[in-house]
Amino acid sequence: PDGLRIDLGSDNGTVDFSAKHATFQGDVEISTTTGYVLETALLNTSLDSVNANSPGKIAGDSPFGQLFAGNMTIRSEIDNGTVHILFNDGVKLVYTPKQTER
């Protein structure tokens, strides 16, 4: 949807094709074409829809600055709909204003 791309990588992972589920474990990196580069220890994903959940801490960079949260969910309410990244449980954003050239 909308040309968004989410790349996932980790030290280890498992895929259960019958359950349409994948688990990424150990230094999980999540990067998006919208400018997010996030790290966590565990990410559970669906193989047949836009649905992912990290039950543990998240840290990384966003288009607005450094971002920290207790957990995160990535989802789309409908097929081919807008993708939402939801941060919960003690969210902290260290805002970094863009520098203008003079």
Protein backbone atom coordinates (compact mmCIF):
# COMPACT_ATOMS: atom_id res chain seq x y z
CA PRO A 1 0.00 0.00 0.00
CA ASP A 2 1.17 3.50 -0.88
CA GLY A 3 4.57 2.13 -1.89
CA LEU A 4 5.57 1.43 1.72
CA ARG A 5 8.23 -1.19 2.14
CA ILE A 6 9.25 -2.78 5.44
CA ASP A 7 12.49 -4.79 5.54
CA LEU A 8 13.06 -7.23 8.40
CA GLY A 9 16.27 -8.93 9.48
CA SER A 10 17.49 -10.83 12.54
CA ASP A 11 20.08 -13.27 13.84
CA ASN A 12 17.56 -16.15 13.87
CA GLY A 13 14.08 -16.84 12.64
CA THR A 14 11.42 -19.47 12.16
CA VAL A 15 8.62 -19.74 9.62
CA ASP A 16 5.45 -21.78 10.11
CA PHE A 17 3.82 -21.89 6.68
CA SER A 18 0.76 -23.80 7.87
CA ALA A 19 0.05 -21.17 10.56
CA LYS A 20 1.10 -18.33 8.19
CA HIS A 21 3.41 -16.95 10.87
CA ALA A 22 7.10 -16.00 11.12
CA THR A 23 9.18 -15.15 14.19
CA PHE A 24 12.36 -13.07 14.09
CA GLN A 25 14.68 -13.37 17.10
CA GLY A 26 17.95 -11.75 18.19
CA ASP A 27 18.99 -8.27 17.06
CA VAL A 28 15.87 -7.78 14.95
CA GLU A 29 16.13 -4.78 12.62
CA ILE A 30 13.04 -3.19 11.10
CA SER A 31 13.55 -0.54 8.43
CA THR A 32 10.91 1.25 6.38
CA THR A 33 10.95 3.38 3.27
CA THR A 34 9.33 6.11 5.40
CA GLY A 35 12.51 6.55 7.44
CA TYR A 36 12.20 4.28 10.46
CA VAL A 37 15.14 2.08 11.50
CA LEU A 38 14.21 0.21 14.67
CA GLU A 39 15.72 -2.58 16.74
CA THR A 40 14.15 -5.11 19.09
CA ALA A 41 14.82 -8.62 20.40
CA LEU A 42 11.69 -10.38 19.08
CA LEU A 43 9.19 -9.74 16.28
CA ASN A 44 6.17 -11.93 15.46
CA THR A 45 4.74 -11.46 11.96
CA SER A 46 1.91 -12.69 9.80
CA LEU A 47 2.67 -14.09 6.35
CA ASP A 48 -0.74 -13.33 4.85
CA SER A 49 -1.46 -9.80 6.07
CA VAL A 50 0.27 -6.67 7.33
CA ASN A 51 0.45 -7.59 11.00
CA ALA A 52 3.52 -7.68 13.25
CA ASN A 53 4.08 -7.38 16.98
CA SER A 54 7.14 -6.83 19.12
CA PRO A 55 6.24 -7.59 22.76
CA GLY A 56 9.50 -6.13 24.06
CA LYS A 57 11.42 -2.88 23.98
CA ILE A 58 11.95 -0.97 20.74
CA ALA A 59 14.73 1.55 20.05
CA GLY A 60 15.87 3.32 16.93
CA ASP A 61 15.59 6.26 14.61
CA SER A 62 12.48 7.81 13.12
CA PRO A 63 12.03 10.69 10.68
CA PHE A 64 11.61 12.91 13.77
CA GLY A 65 14.50 11.71 15.95
CA GLN A 66 15.36 8.84 18.30
CA LEU A 67 12.42 6.69 19.38
CA PHE A 68 12.03 4.33 22.35
CA ALA A 69 8.99 2.27 23.39
CA GLY A 70 8.01 -0.68 25.53
CA ASN A 71 6.41 -2.52 22.58
CA MET A 72 5.19 -2.00 19.02
CA THR A 73 2.54 -3.21 16.60
CA ILE A 74 2.54 -2.82 12.81
CA ARG A 75 -0.82 -3.35 11.12
CA SER A 76 -3.25 -2.42 8.40
CA GLU A 77 -6.95 -2.32 9.26
CA ILE A 78 -7.98 -3.54 5.80
CA ASP A 79 -6.26 -5.24 2.88
CA ASN A 80 -4.37 -2.66 0.82
CA GLY A 81 -5.11 -0.06 3.50
CA THR A 82 -2.87 2.41 5.27
CA VAL A 83 -0.16 0.80 7.38
CA HIS A 84 0.08 2.01 10.98
CA ILE A 85 3.04 1.61 13.34
CA LEU A 86 1.79 1.83 16.92
CA PHE A 87 4.18 2.40 19.83
CA ASN A 88 3.07 1.70 23.42
CA ASP A 89 4.21 1.36 27.01
CA GLY A 90 6.50 4.28 27.85
CA VAL A 91 7.04 5.91 24.46
CA LYS A 92 9.87 8.45 24.31
CA LEU A 93 10.79 10.57 21.29
CA VAL A 94 13.97 12.64 21.34
CA TYR A 95 13.03 15.17 18.69
CA THR A 96 15.77 16.31 16.31
CA PRO A 97 14.70 19.34 14.27
CA LYS A 98 15.86 19.41 10.68
CA GLN A 99 18.61 21.94 10.14
CA THR A 100 17.91 24.53 7.48
CA GLU A 101 20.74 25.67 5.27
CA ARG A 102 21.63 29.35 5.43
